[in-house]
Amino acid sequence: MKNYEIAVVLHPDLEIDLENTTKKVEKIITDQSGKINKKDNWGKRKLAYTIKKQDWGIYVIYEIEIDPTKVRAINDKLRITEEVMRYLIVSTEDIRYLKKPNQKPTAKKTTKKAEEEK
């Protein structure tokens, strides 16, 4: 099981009955044996560019845990779901370790050119 984040942009007209649409997306995930760890509804926001003649979209972010072989099935089902305008599935485990904020910077290796400039 790997951790993934799914960002879904839903049609803005669904704002009135958003619960049914989010249940539909959640069913797509759970039908593939996925476990939803967190759901975050960002609400209606202006899109950076027009999608399907719409300037607004409802953003919903899911953090899930699922077998990597079943991500393709979720991808295929979200692609044909009418209420979903755009979506993005990203593995959160592929993020490499970054430098920790409290860590002191490491000493840089000096080159001959850098030494000559001093």
PDB file of N, CA and C in Angstrom:
ATOM      1  N   MET A   1       0.843  -1.177   0.000  1.00  0.00           N
ATOM      2  CA  MET A   1       0.000   0.000   0.000  1.00  0.00           C
ATOM      3  C   MET A   1       0.893   1.247   0.000  1.00  0.00           C
ATOM      4  N   LYS A   2       0.556   2.197  -0.867  1.00  0.00           N
ATOM      5  CA  LYS A   2       1.283   3.459  -0.953  1.00  0.00           C
ATOM      6  C   LYS A   2       0.320   4.600  -0.705  1.00  0.00           C
ATOM      7  N   ASN A   3       0.873   5.733  -0.315  1.00  0.00           N
ATOM      8  CA  ASN A   3       0.066   6.924  -0.076  1.00  0.00           C
ATOM      9  C   ASN A   3       0.019   7.783  -1.328  1.00  0.00           C
ATOM     10  N   TYR A   4      -1.171   8.265  -1.643  1.00  0.00           N
ATOM     11  CA  TYR A   4      -1.386   9.124  -2.795  1.00  0.00           C
ATOM     12  C   TYR A   4      -2.233  10.314  -2.393  1.00  0.00           C
ATOM     13  N   GLU A   5      -2.122  11.370  -3.174  1.00  0.00           N
ATOM     14  CA  GLU A   5      -2.978  12.534  -3.014  1.00  0.00           C
ATOM     15  C   GLU A   5      -3.714  12.727  -4.338  1.00  0.00           C
ATOM     16  N   ILE A   6      -5.029  12.859  -4.249  1.00  0.00           N
ATOM     17  CA  ILE A   6      -5.845  13.062  -5.447  1.00  0.00           C
ATOM     18  C   ILE A   6      -6.514  14.427  -5.335  1.00  0.00           C
ATOM     19  N   ALA A   7      -6.235  15.295  -6.298  1.00  0.00           N
ATOM     20  CA  ALA A   7      -6.886  16.603  -6.373  1.00  0.00           C
ATOM     21  C   ALA A   7      -7.934  16.523  -7.476  1.00  0.00           C
ATOM     22  N   VAL A   8      -9.171  16.883  -7.136  1.00  0.00           N
ATOM     23  CA  VAL A   8     -10.277  16.794  -8.082  1.00  0.00           C
ATOM     24  C   VAL A   8     -10.905  18.173  -8.219  1.00  0.00           C
ATOM     25  N   VAL A   9     -11.105  18.622  -9.464  1.00  0.00           N
ATOM     26  CA  VAL A   9     -11.817  19.873  -9.732  1.00  0.00           C
ATOM     27  C   VAL A   9     -13.183  19.488 -10.276  1.00  0.00           C
ATOM     28  N   LEU A  10     -14.220  19.853  -9.522  1.00  0.00           N
ATOM     29  CA  LEU A  10     -15.589  19.508  -9.887  1.00  0.00           C
ATOM     30  C   LEU A  10     -16.287  20.690 -10.539  1.00  0.00           C
ATOM     31  N   HIS A  11     -17.336  20.396 -11.298  1.00  0.00           N
ATOM     32  CA  HIS A  11     -18.126  21.421 -11.976  1.00  0.00           C
ATOM     33  C   HIS A  11     -18.733  22.372 -10.944  1.00  0.00           C
ATOM     34  N   PRO A  12     -18.681  23.697 -11.183  1.00  0.00           N
ATOM     35  CA  PRO A  12     -19.161  24.653 -10.184  1.00  0.00           C
ATOM     36  C   PRO A  12     -20.670  24.596  -9.917  1.00  0.00           C
ATOM     37  N   ASP A  13     -21.448  24.092 -10.855  1.00  0.00           N
ATOM     38  CA  ASP A  13     -22.893  23.999 -10.656  1.00  0.00           C
ATOM     39  C   ASP A  13     -23.265  22.937  -9.624  1.00  0.00           C
ATOM     40  N   LEU A  14     -22.330  22.107  -9.234  1.00  0.00           N
ATOM     41  CA  LEU A  14     -22.589  21.043  -8.260  1.00  0.00           C
ATOM     42  C   LEU A  14     -22.449  21.520  -6.823  1.00  0.00           C
ATOM     43  N   GLU A  15     -22.221  22.817  -6.642  1.00  0.00           N
ATOM     44  CA  GLU A  15     -22.010  23.359  -5.308  1.00  0.00           C
ATOM     45  C   GLU A  15     -23.226  23.129  -4.402  1.00  0.00           C
ATOM     46  N   ILE A  16     -24.425  23.147  -4.975  1.00  0.00           N
ATOM     47  CA  ILE A  16     -25.645  22.953  -4.197  1.00  0.00           C
ATOM     48  C   ILE A  16     -25.731  21.531  -3.658  1.00  0.00           C
ATOM     49  N   ASP A  17     -25.404  20.550  -4.484  1.00  0.00           N
ATOM     50  CA  ASP A  17     -25.500  19.140  -4.086  1.00  0.00           C
ATOM     51  C   ASP A  17     -24.130  18.475  -4.187  1.00  0.00           C
ATOM     52  N   LEU A  18     -23.175  19.053  -3.482  1.00  0.00           N
ATOM     53  CA  LEU A  18     -21.788  18.576  -3.553  1.00  0.00           C
ATOM     54  C   LEU A  18     -21.609  17.216  -2.892  1.00  0.00           C
ATOM     55  N   GLU A  19     -22.415  16.918  -1.899  1.00  0.00           N
ATOM     56  CA  GLU A  19     -22.275  15.681  -1.126  1.00  0.00           C
ATOM     57  C   GLU A  19     -22.398  14.435  -2.005  1.00  0.00           C
ATOM     58  N   ASN A  20     -23.382  14.421  -2.919  1.00  0.00           N
ATOM     59  CA  ASN A  20     -23.562  13.257  -3.796  1.00  0.00           C
ATOM     60  C   ASN A  20     -22.368  13.054  -4.717  1.00  0.00           C
ATOM     61  N   THR A  21     -21.815  14.149  -5.225  1.00  0.00           N
ATOM     62  CA  THR A  21     -20.675  14.056  -6.133  1.00  0.00           C
ATOM     63  C   THR A  21     -19.433  13.567  -5.397  1.00  0.00           C
ATOM     64  N   THR A  22     -19.196  14.075  -4.191  1.00  0.00           N
ATOM     65  CA  THR A  22     -18.023  13.616  -3.444  1.00  0.00           C
ATOM     66  C   THR A  22     -18.182  12.144  -3.047  1.00  0.00           C
ATOM     67  N   LYS A  23     -19.401  11.729  -2.760  1.00  0.00           N
ATOM     68  CA  LYS A  23     -19.636  10.304  -2.458  1.00  0.00           C
ATOM     69  C   LYS A  23     -19.334   9.439  -3.674  1.00  0.00           C
ATOM     70  N   LYS A  24     -19.641   9.967  -4.860  1.00  0.00           N
ATOM     71  CA  LYS A  24     -19.369   9.228  -6.097  1.00  0.00           C
ATOM     72  C   LYS A  24     -17.857   9.045  -6.297  1.00  0.00           C
ATOM     73  N   VAL A  25     -17.098  10.110  -6.044  1.00  0.00           N
ATOM     74  CA  VAL A  25     -15.629  10.039  -6.163  1.00  0.00           C
ATOM     75  C   VAL A  25     -15.066   9.100  -5.098  1.00  0.00           C
ATOM     76  N   GLU A  26     -15.590   9.192  -3.878  1.00  0.00           N
ATOM     77  CA  GLU A  26     -15.129   8.322  -2.795  1.00  0.00           C
ATOM     78  C   GLU A  26     -15.453   6.860  -3.084  1.00  0.00           C
ATOM     79  N   LYS A  27     -16.572   6.599  -3.732  1.00  0.00           N
ATOM     80  CA  LYS A  27     -16.940   5.232  -4.101  1.00  0.00           C
ATOM     81  C   LYS A  27     -15.975   4.673  -5.139  1.00  0.00           C
ATOM     82  N   ILE A  28     -15.546   5.519  -6.073  1.00  0.00           N
ATOM     83  CA  ILE A  28     -14.558   5.098  -7.068  1.00  0.00           C
ATOM     84  C   ILE A  28     -13.273   4.646  -6.359  1.00  0.00           C
ATOM     85  N   ILE A  29     -12.877   5.390  -5.338  1.00  0.00           N
ATOM     86  CA  ILE A  29     -11.658   5.061  -4.592  1.00  0.00           C
ATOM     87  C   ILE A  29     -11.840   3.787  -3.773  1.00  0.00           C
ATOM     88  N   THR A  30     -12.945   3.708  -3.031  1.00  0.00           N
ATOM     89  CA  THR A  30     -13.154   2.553  -2.153  1.00  0.00           C
ATOM     90  C   THR A  30     -13.465   1.275  -2.927  1.00  0.00           C
ATOM     91  N   ASP A  31     -14.022   1.388  -4.134  1.00  0.00           N
ATOM     92  CA  ASP A  31     -14.263   0.197  -4.956  1.00  0.00           C
ATOM     93  C   ASP A  31     -12.961  -0.479  -5.364  1.00  0.00           C
ATOM     94  N   GLN A  32     -11.878   0.278  -5.373  1.00  0.00           N
ATOM     95  CA  GLN A  32     -10.569  -0.272  -5.716  1.00  0.00           C
ATOM     96  C   GLN A  32      -9.764  -0.616  -4.458  1.00  0.00           C
ATOM     97  N   SER A  33     -10.445  -0.796  -3.339  1.00  0.00           N
ATOM     98  CA  SER A  33      -9.834  -1.137  -2.043  1.00  0.00           C
ATOM     99  C   SER A  33      -8.948  -0.029  -1.502  1.00  0.00           C
ATOM    100  N   GLY A  34      -9.251   1.206  -1.852  1.00  0.00           N
ATOM    101  CA  GLY A  34      -8.493   2.335  -1.324  1.00  0.00           C
ATOM    102  C   GLY A  34      -9.065   2.797  -0.002  1.00  0.00           C
ATOM    103  N   LYS A  35      -8.182   3.313   0.842  1.00  0.00           N
ATOM    104  CA  LYS A  35      -8.596   3.826   2.146  1.00  0.00           C
ATOM    105  C   LYS A  35      -8.374   5.336   2.149  1.00  0.00           C
ATOM    106  N   ILE A  36      -9.453   6.090   2.389  1.00  0.00           N
ATOM    107  CA  ILE A  36      -9.368   7.547   2.405  1.00  0.00           C
ATOM    108  C   ILE A  36      -8.938   7.979   3.809  1.00  0.00           C
ATOM    109  N   ASN A  37      -7.757   8.578   3.891  1.00  0.00           N
ATOM    110  CA  ASN A  37      -7.232   9.031   5.178  1.00  0.00           C
ATOM    111  C   ASN A  37      -7.692  10.443   5.512  1.00  0.00           C
ATOM    112  N   LYS A  38      -7.842  11.283   4.496  1.00  0.00           N
ATOM    113  CA  LYS A  38      -8.210  12.672   4.729  1.00  0.00           C
ATOM    114  C   LYS A  38      -8.931  13.222   3.510  1.00  0.00           C
ATOM    115  N   LYS A  39      -9.953  14.036   3.756  1.00  0.00           N
ATOM    116  CA  LYS A  39     -10.682  14.717   2.685  1.00  0.00           C
ATOM    117  C   LYS A  39     -10.688  16.196   3.021  1.00  0.00           C
ATOM    118  N   ASP A  40     -10.286  17.025   2.074  1.00  0.00           N
ATOM    119  CA  ASP A  40     -10.212  18.460   2.301  1.00  0.00           C
ATOM    120  C   ASP A  40     -10.945  19.174   1.176  1.00  0.00           C
ATOM    121  N   ASN A  41     -12.053  19.832   1.510  1.00  0.00           N
ATOM    122  CA  ASN A  41     -12.827  20.573   0.519  1.00  0.00           C
ATOM    123  C   ASN A  41     -12.367  22.029   0.530  1.00  0.00           C
ATOM    124  N   TRP A  42     -11.745  22.455  -0.557  1.00  0.00           N
ATOM    125  CA  TRP A  42     -11.259  23.823  -0.654  1.00  0.00           C
ATOM    126  C   TRP A  42     -12.344  24.790  -1.093  1.00  0.00           C
ATOM    127  N   GLY A  43     -13.446  24.263  -1.583  1.00  0.00           N
ATOM    128  CA  GLY A  43     -14.549  25.110  -2.011  1.00  0.00           C
ATOM    129  C   GLY A  43     -14.393  25.604  -3.437  1.00  0.00           C
ATOM    130  N   LYS A  44     -15.237  26.562  -3.782  1.00  0.00           N
ATOM    131  CA  LYS A  44     -15.277  27.100  -5.149  1.00  0.00           C
ATOM    132  C   LYS A  44     -14.176  28.143  -5.319  1.00  0.00           C
ATOM    133  N   ARG A  45     -13.373  27.956  -6.363  1.00  0.00           N
ATOM    134  CA  ARG A  45     -12.262  28.874  -6.642  1.00  0.00           C
ATOM    135  C   ARG A  45     -12.188  29.188  -8.128  1.00  0.00           C
ATOM    136  N   LYS A  46     -11.588  30.314  -8.422  1.00  0.00           N
ATOM    137  CA  LYS A  46     -11.397  30.732  -9.810  1.00  0.00           C
ATOM    138  C   LYS A  46     -10.297  29.889 -10.425  1.00  0.00           C
ATOM    139  N   LEU A  47     -10.552  29.414 -11.636  1.00  0.00           N
ATOM    140  CA  LEU A  47      -9.572  28.603 -12.345  1.00  0.00           C
ATOM    141  C   LEU A  47      -8.544  29.503 -13.035  1.00  0.00           C
ATOM    142  N   ALA A  48      -7.368  28.986 -13.246  1.00  0.00           N
ATOM    143  CA  ALA A  48      -6.312  29.738 -13.922  1.00  0.00           C
ATOM    144  C   ALA A  48      -6.648  29.942 -15.399  1.00  0.00           C
ATOM    145  N   TYR A  49      -7.392  29.008 -15.969  1.00  0.00           N
ATOM    146  CA  TYR A  49      -7.832  29.110 -17.352  1.00  0.00           C
ATOM    147  C   TYR A  49      -9.176  28.395 -17.480  1.00  0.00           C
ATOM    148  N   THR A  50      -9.890  28.709 -18.542  1.00  0.00           N
ATOM    149  CA  THR A  50     -11.224  28.153 -18.748  1.00  0.00           C
ATOM    150  C   THR A  50     -11.151  26.658 -19.060  1.00  0.00           C
ATOM    151  N   ILE A  51     -11.995  25.880 -18.371  1.00  0.00           N
ATOM    152  CA  ILE A  51     -12.105  24.446 -18.602  1.00  0.00           C
ATOM    153  C   ILE A  51     -13.569  24.145 -18.894  1.00  0.00           C
ATOM    154  N   LYS A  52     -13.844  23.556 -20.044  1.00  0.00           N
ATOM    155  CA  LYS A  52     -15.208  23.207 -20.439  1.00  0.00           C
ATOM    156  C   LYS A  52     -16.155  24.399 -20.277  1.00  0.00           C
ATOM    157  N   LYS A  53     -15.698  25.565 -20.747  1.00  0.00           N
ATOM    158  CA  LYS A  53     -16.451  26.815 -20.706  1.00  0.00           C
ATOM    159  C   LYS A  53     -16.784  27.285 -19.295  1.00  0.00           C
ATOM    160  N   GLN A  54     -15.998  26.881 -18.317  1.00  0.00           N
ATOM    161  CA  GLN A  54     -16.200  27.276 -16.923  1.00  0.00           C
ATOM    162  C   GLN A  54     -14.970  28.028 -16.411  1.00  0.00           C
ATOM    163  N   ASP A  55     -15.205  29.109 -15.677  1.00  0.00           N
ATOM    164  CA  ASP A  55     -14.122  29.888 -15.078  1.00  0.00           C
ATOM    165  C   ASP A  55     -13.913  29.555 -13.602  1.00  0.00           C
ATOM    166  N   TRP A  56     -14.834  28.798 -13.017  1.00  0.00           N
ATOM    167  CA  TRP A  56     -14.791  28.436 -11.610  1.00  0.00           C
ATOM    168  C   TRP A  56     -14.828  26.928 -11.460  1.00  0.00           C
ATOM    169  N   GLY A  57     -14.324  26.430 -10.351  1.00  0.00           N
ATOM    170  CA  GLY A  57     -14.354  25.000 -10.071  1.00  0.00           C
ATOM    171  C   GLY A  57     -14.337  24.756  -8.572  1.00  0.00           C
ATOM    172  N   ILE A  58     -14.819  23.605  -8.170  1.00  0.00           N
ATOM    173  CA  ILE A  58     -14.814  23.222  -6.760  1.00  0.00           C
ATOM    174  C   ILE A  58     -13.666  22.239  -6.558  1.00  0.00           C
ATOM    175  N   TYR A  59     -12.750  22.602  -5.679  1.00  0.00           N
ATOM    176  CA  TYR A  59     -11.572  21.779  -5.424  1.00  0.00           C
ATOM    177  C   TYR A  59     -11.798  20.876  -4.217  1.00  0.00           C
ATOM    178  N   VAL A  60     -11.536  19.586  -4.386  1.00  0.00           N
ATOM    179  CA  VAL A  60     -11.591  18.624  -3.287  1.00  0.00           C
ATOM    180  C   VAL A  60     -10.303  17.803  -3.344  1.00  0.00           C
ATOM    181  N   ILE A  61      -9.615  17.717  -2.210  1.00  0.00           N
ATOM    182  CA  ILE A  61      -8.339  17.002  -2.128  1.00  0.00           C
ATOM    183  C   ILE A  61      -8.523  15.775  -1.233  1.00  0.00           C
ATOM    184  N   TYR A  62      -8.066  14.629  -1.715  1.00  0.00           N
ATOM    185  CA  TYR A  62      -8.138  13.380  -0.945  1.00  0.00           C
ATOM    186  C   TYR A  62      -6.729  12.868  -0.702  1.00  0.00           C
ATOM    187  N   GLU A  63      -6.467  12.406   0.508  1.00  0.00           N
ATOM    188  CA  GLU A  63      -5.240  11.671   0.814  1.00  0.00           C
ATOM    189  C   GLU A  63      -5.666  10.236   1.019  1.00  0.00           C
ATOM    190  N   ILE A  64      -5.137   9.342   0.190  1.00  0.00           N
ATOM    191  CA  ILE A  64      -5.580   7.950   0.223  1.00  0.00           C
ATOM    192  C   ILE A  64      -4.397   7.004   0.373  1.00  0.00           C
ATOM    193  N   GLU A  65      -4.729   5.783   0.705  1.00  0.00           N
ATOM    194  CA  GLU A  65      -3.758   4.696   0.796  1.00  0.00           C
ATOM    195  C   GLU A  65      -4.301   3.573  -0.081  1.00  0.00           C
ATOM    196  N   ILE A  66      -3.528   3.162  -1.080  1.00  0.00           N
ATOM    197  CA  ILE A  66      -4.014   2.168  -2.042  1.00  0.00           C
ATOM    198  C   ILE A  66      -2.848   1.395  -2.647  1.00  0.00           C
ATOM    199  N   ASP A  67      -3.162   0.239  -3.163  1.00  0.00           N
ATOM    200  CA  ASP A  67      -2.185  -0.577  -3.872  1.00  0.00           C
ATOM    201  C   ASP A  67      -1.838   0.127  -5.195  1.00  0.00           C
ATOM    202  N   PRO A  68      -0.556   0.303  -5.512  1.00  0.00           N
ATOM    203  CA  PRO A  68      -0.170   1.028  -6.724  1.00  0.00           C
ATOM    204  C   PRO A  68      -0.732   0.440  -8.029  1.00  0.00           C
ATOM    205  N   THR A  69      -1.032  -0.854  -8.033  1.00  0.00           N
ATOM    206  CA  THR A  69      -1.560  -1.455  -9.260  1.00  0.00           C
ATOM    207  C   THR A  69      -2.998  -1.031  -9.535  1.00  0.00           C
ATOM    208  N   LYS A  70      -3.679  -0.470  -8.548  1.00  0.00           N
ATOM    209  CA  LYS A  70      -5.081  -0.094  -8.718  1.00  0.00           C
ATOM    210  C   LYS A  70      -5.270   1.387  -9.017  1.00  0.00           C
ATOM    211  N   VAL A  71      -4.192   2.145  -9.061  1.00  0.00           N
ATOM    212  CA  VAL A  71      -4.277   3.573  -9.353  1.00  0.00           C
ATOM    213  C   VAL A  71      -4.763   3.791 -10.784  1.00  0.00           C
ATOM    214  N   ARG A  72      -4.347   2.942 -11.673  1.00  0.00           N
ATOM    215  CA  ARG A  72      -4.762   3.061 -13.080  1.00  0.00           C
ATOM    216  C   ARG A  72      -6.284   2.966 -13.220  1.00  0.00           C
ATOM    217  N   ALA A  73      -6.918   2.084 -12.460  1.00  0.00           N
ATOM    218  CA  ALA A  73      -8.372   1.929 -12.518  1.00  0.00           C
ATOM    219  C   ALA A  73      -9.073   3.196 -12.017  1.00  0.00           C
ATOM    220  N   ILE A  74      -8.537   3.808 -10.962  1.00  0.00           N
ATOM    221  CA  ILE A  74      -9.107   5.066 -10.464  1.00  0.00           C
ATOM    222  C   ILE A  74      -8.952   6.151 -11.525  1.00  0.00           C
ATOM    223  N   ASN A  75      -7.795   6.200 -12.138  1.00  0.00           N
ATOM    224  CA  ASN A  75      -7.522   7.159 -13.199  1.00  0.00           C
ATOM    225  C   ASN A  75      -8.537   7.009 -14.333  1.00  0.00           C
ATOM    226  N   ASP A  76      -8.778   5.787 -14.761  1.00  0.00           N
ATOM    227  CA  ASP A  76      -9.709   5.530 -15.862  1.00  0.00           C
ATOM    228  C   ASP A  76     -11.138   5.932 -15.515  1.00  0.00           C
ATOM    229  N   LYS A  77     -11.554   5.671 -14.275  1.00  0.00           N
ATOM    230  CA  LYS A  77     -12.930   6.000 -13.878  1.00  0.00           C
ATOM    231  C   LYS A  77     -13.131   7.499 -13.688  1.00  0.00           C
ATOM    232  N   LEU A  78     -12.128   8.182 -13.148  1.00  0.00           N
ATOM    233  CA  LEU A  78     -12.251   9.636 -12.985  1.00  0.00           C
ATOM    234  C   LEU A  78     -12.280  10.334 -14.342  1.00  0.00           C
ATOM    235  N   ARG A  79     -11.586   9.777 -15.315  1.00  0.00           N
ATOM    236  CA  ARG A  79     -11.540  10.366 -16.647  1.00  0.00           C
ATOM    237  C   ARG A  79     -12.918  10.414 -17.297  1.00  0.00           C
ATOM    238  N   ILE A  80     -13.761   9.405 -17.039  1.00  0.00           N
ATOM    239  CA  ILE A  80     -15.064   9.353 -17.692  1.00  0.00           C
ATOM    240  C   ILE A  80     -16.217   9.858 -16.807  1.00  0.00           C
ATOM    241  N   THR A  81     -15.895  10.313 -15.602  1.00  0.00           N
ATOM    242  CA  THR A  81     -16.922  10.854 -14.713  1.00  0.00           C
ATOM    243  C   THR A  81     -17.262  12.270 -15.155  1.00  0.00           C
ATOM    244  N   GLU A  82     -18.539  12.518 -15.447  1.00  0.00           N
ATOM    245  CA  GLU A  82     -18.969  13.806 -15.998  1.00  0.00           C
ATOM    246  C   GLU A  82     -18.768  14.975 -15.045  1.00  0.00           C
ATOM    247  N   GLU A  83     -18.961  14.760 -13.763  1.00  0.00           N
ATOM    248  CA  GLU A  83     -18.872  15.844 -12.788  1.00  0.00           C
ATOM    249  C   GLU A  83     -17.442  16.337 -12.580  1.00  0.00           C
ATOM    250  N   VAL A  84     -16.470  15.508 -12.907  1.00  0.00           N
ATOM    251  CA  VAL A  84     -15.056  15.848 -12.703  1.00  0.00           C
ATOM    252  C   VAL A  84     -14.527  16.557 -13.942  1.00  0.00           C
ATOM    253  N   MET A  85     -14.090  17.817 -13.751  1.00  0.00           N
ATOM    254  CA  MET A  85     -13.533  18.574 -14.875  1.00  0.00           C
ATOM    255  C   MET A  85     -12.049  18.259 -15.050  1.00  0.00           C
ATOM    256  N   ARG A  86     -11.312  18.190 -13.946  1.00  0.00           N
ATOM    257  CA  ARG A  86      -9.886  17.841 -13.964  1.00  0.00           C
ATOM    258  C   ARG A  86      -9.552  17.082 -12.689  1.00  0.00           C
ATOM    259  N   TYR A  87      -8.480  16.308 -12.735  1.00  0.00           N
ATOM    260  CA  TYR A  87      -8.005  15.598 -11.546  1.00  0.00           C
ATOM    261  C   TYR A  87      -6.514  15.369 -11.692  1.00  0.00           C
ATOM    262  N   LEU A  88      -5.880  15.128 -10.555  1.00  0.00           N
ATOM    263  CA  LEU A  88      -4.450  14.855 -10.545  1.00  0.00           C
ATOM    264  C   LEU A  88      -4.177  13.861  -9.431  1.00  0.00           C
ATOM    265  N   ILE A  89      -3.475  12.784  -9.759  1.00  0.00           N
ATOM    266  CA  ILE A  89      -3.110  11.770  -8.781  1.00  0.00           C
ATOM    267  C   ILE A  89      -1.590  11.800  -8.620  1.00  0.00           C
ATOM    268  N   VAL A  90      -1.137  12.014  -7.388  1.00  0.00           N
ATOM    269  CA  VAL A  90       0.288  12.140  -7.112  1.00  0.00           C
ATOM    270  C   VAL A  90       0.657  11.224  -5.949  1.00  0.00           C
ATOM    271  N   SER A  91       1.754  10.510  -6.101  1.00  0.00           N
ATOM    272  CA  SER A  91       2.259   9.674  -5.016  1.00  0.00           C
ATOM    273  C   SER A  91       3.009  10.563  -4.035  1.00  0.00           C
ATOM    274  N   THR A  92       2.619  10.529  -2.772  1.00  0.00           N
ATOM    275  CA  THR A  92       3.299  11.354  -1.774  1.00  0.00           C
ATOM    276  C   THR A  92       4.554  10.681  -1.250  1.00  0.00           C
ATOM    277  N   GLU A  93       4.737   9.415  -1.556  1.00  0.00           N
ATOM    278  CA  GLU A  93       5.932   8.703  -1.099  1.00  0.00           C
ATOM    279  C   GLU A  93       7.115   8.907  -2.038  1.00  0.00           C
ATOM    280  N   ASP A  94       6.886   9.451  -3.206  1.00  0.00           N
ATOM    281  CA  ASP A  94       7.968   9.686  -4.142  1.00  0.00           C
ATOM    282  C   ASP A  94       8.708  10.990  -3.867  1.00  0.00           C
ATOM    283  N   ILE A  95       8.211  11.766  -2.914  1.00  0.00           N
ATOM    284  CA  ILE A  95       8.866  13.021  -2.576  1.00  0.00           C
ATOM    285  C   ILE A  95      10.153  12.694  -1.832  1.00  0.00           C
ATOM    286  N   ARG A  96      11.248  13.181  -2.350  1.00  0.00           N
ATOM    287  CA  ARG A  96      12.550  12.907  -1.743  1.00  0.00           C
ATOM    288  C   ARG A  96      12.721  13.747  -0.487  1.00  0.00           C
ATOM    289  N   TYR A  97      13.559  13.276   0.414  1.00  0.00           N
ATOM    290  CA  TYR A  97      13.812  14.009   1.637  1.00  0.00           C
ATOM    291  C   TYR A  97      14.478  15.337   1.314  1.00  0.00           C
ATOM    292  N   LEU A  98      13.929  16.387   1.859  1.00  0.00           N
ATOM    293  CA  LEU A  98      14.494  17.716   1.671  1.00  0.00           C
ATOM    294  C   LEU A  98      15.312  18.081   2.902  1.00  0.00           C
ATOM    295  N   LYS A  99      16.114  19.121   2.764  1.00  0.00           N
ATOM    296  CA  LYS A  99      16.914  19.562   3.894  1.00  0.00           C
ATOM    297  C   LYS A  99      15.969  20.031   4.997  1.00  0.00           C
ATOM    298  N   LYS A 100      16.209  19.591   6.206  1.00  0.00           N
ATOM    299  CA  LYS A 100      15.352  19.953   7.331  1.00  0.00           C
ATOM    300  C   LYS A 100      15.542  21.428   7.662  1.00  0.00           C
ATOM    301  N   PRO A 101      14.487  22.138   8.071  1.00  0.00           N
ATOM    302  CA  PRO A 101      14.596  23.575   8.284  1.00  0.00           C
ATOM    303  C   PRO A 101      15.557  23.993   9.396  1.00  0.00           C
ATOM    304  N   ASN A 102      15.745  23.182  10.425  1.00  0.00           N
ATOM    305  CA  ASN A 102      16.629  23.545  11.528  1.00  0.00           C
ATOM    306  C   ASN A 102      18.066  23.084  11.317  1.00  0.00           C
ATOM    307  N   GLN A 103      18.325  22.484  10.181  1.00  0.00           N
ATOM    308  CA  GLN A 103      19.642  21.941   9.909  1.00  0.00           C
ATOM    309  C   GLN A 103      20.576  23.050   9.418  1.00  0.00           C
ATOM    310  N   LYS A 104      21.807  23.053   9.921  1.00  0.00           N
ATOM    311  CA  LYS A 104      22.790  24.042   9.481  1.00  0.00           C
ATOM    312  C   LYS A 104      23.245  23.705   8.066  1.00  0.00           C
ATOM    313  N   PRO A 105      23.519  24.717   7.258  1.00  0.00           N
ATOM    314  CA  PRO A 105      23.990  24.435   5.903  1.00  0.00           C
ATOM    315  C   PRO A 105      25.353  23.751   5.940  1.00  0.00           C
ATOM    316  N   THR A 106      25.557  22.845   5.013  1.00  0.00           N
ATOM    317  CA  THR A 106      26.826  22.122   4.958  1.00  0.00           C
ATOM    318  C   THR A 106      27.881  22.993   4.292  1.00  0.00           C
ATOM    319  N   ALA A 107      29.124  22.707   4.599  1.00  0.00           N
ATOM    320  CA  ALA A 107      30.230  23.464   4.012  1.00  0.00           C
ATOM    321  C   ALA A 107      30.311  23.153   2.529  1.00  0.00           C
ATOM    322  N   LYS A 108      30.435  24.214   1.744  1.00  0.00           N
ATOM    323  CA  LYS A 108      30.519  24.037   0.295  1.00  0.00           C
ATOM    324  C   LYS A 108      31.945  23.649  -0.084  1.00  0.00           C
ATOM    325  N   LYS A 109      32.023  22.831  -1.083  1.00  0.00           N
ATOM    326  CA  LYS A 109      33.333  22.468  -1.594  1.00  0.00           C
ATOM    327  C   LYS A 109      33.856  23.641  -2.406  1.00  0.00           C
ATOM    328  N   THR A 110      35.088  24.003  -2.182  1.00  0.00           N
ATOM    329  CA  THR A 110      35.669  25.119  -2.920  1.00  0.00           C
ATOM    330  C   THR A 110      36.377  24.579  -4.152  1.00  0.00           C
ATOM    331  N   THR A 111      36.259  25.302  -5.191  1.00  0.00           N
ATOM    332  CA  THR A 111      36.942  24.935  -6.430  1.00  0.00           C
ATOM    333  C   THR A 111      38.134  25.859  -6.617  1.00  0.00           C
ATOM    334  N   LYS A 112      38.980  25.504  -7.535  1.00  0.00           N
ATOM    335  CA  LYS A 112      40.160  26.315  -7.806  1.00  0.00           C
ATOM    336  C   LYS A 112      39.748  27.703  -8.288  1.00  0.00           C
ATOM    337  N   LYS A 113      38.697  27.759  -9.090  1.00  0.00           N
ATOM    338  CA  LYS A 113      38.244  29.042  -9.631  1.00  0.00           C
ATOM    339  C   LYS A 113      37.728  29.942  -8.525  1.00  0.00           C
ATOM    340  N   ALA A 114      36.998  29.391  -7.566  1.00  0.00           N
ATOM    341  CA  ALA A 114      36.474  30.161  -6.455  1.00  0.00           C
ATOM    342  C   ALA A 114      37.602  30.663  -5.571  1.00  0.00           C
ATOM    343  N   GLU A 115      38.645  29.848  -5.398  1.00  0.00           N
ATOM    344  CA  GLU A 115      39.778  30.256  -4.586  1.00  0.00           C
ATOM    345  C   GLU A 115      40.574  31.380  -5.250  1.00  0.00           C
ATOM    346  N   GLU A 116      40.669  31.345  -6.592  1.00  0.00           N
ATOM    347  CA  GLU A 116      41.405  32.349  -7.329  1.00  0.00           C
ATOM    348  C   GLU A 116      40.708  33.703  -7.255  1.00  0.00           C
ATOM    349  N   GLU A 117      39.365  33.691  -7.184  1.00  0.00           N
ATOM    350  CA  GLU A 117      38.617  34.937  -7.135  1.00  0.00           C
ATOM    351  C   GLU A 117      38.786  35.649  -5.803  1.00  0.00           C
ATOM    352  N   LYS A 118      39.146  34.918  -4.750  1.00  0.00           N
ATOM    353  CA  LYS A 118      39.312  35.518  -3.423  1.00  0.00           C
ATOM    354  C   LYS A 118      40.543  36.312  -3.361  1.00  0.00           C
TER     355      LYS A 118
END
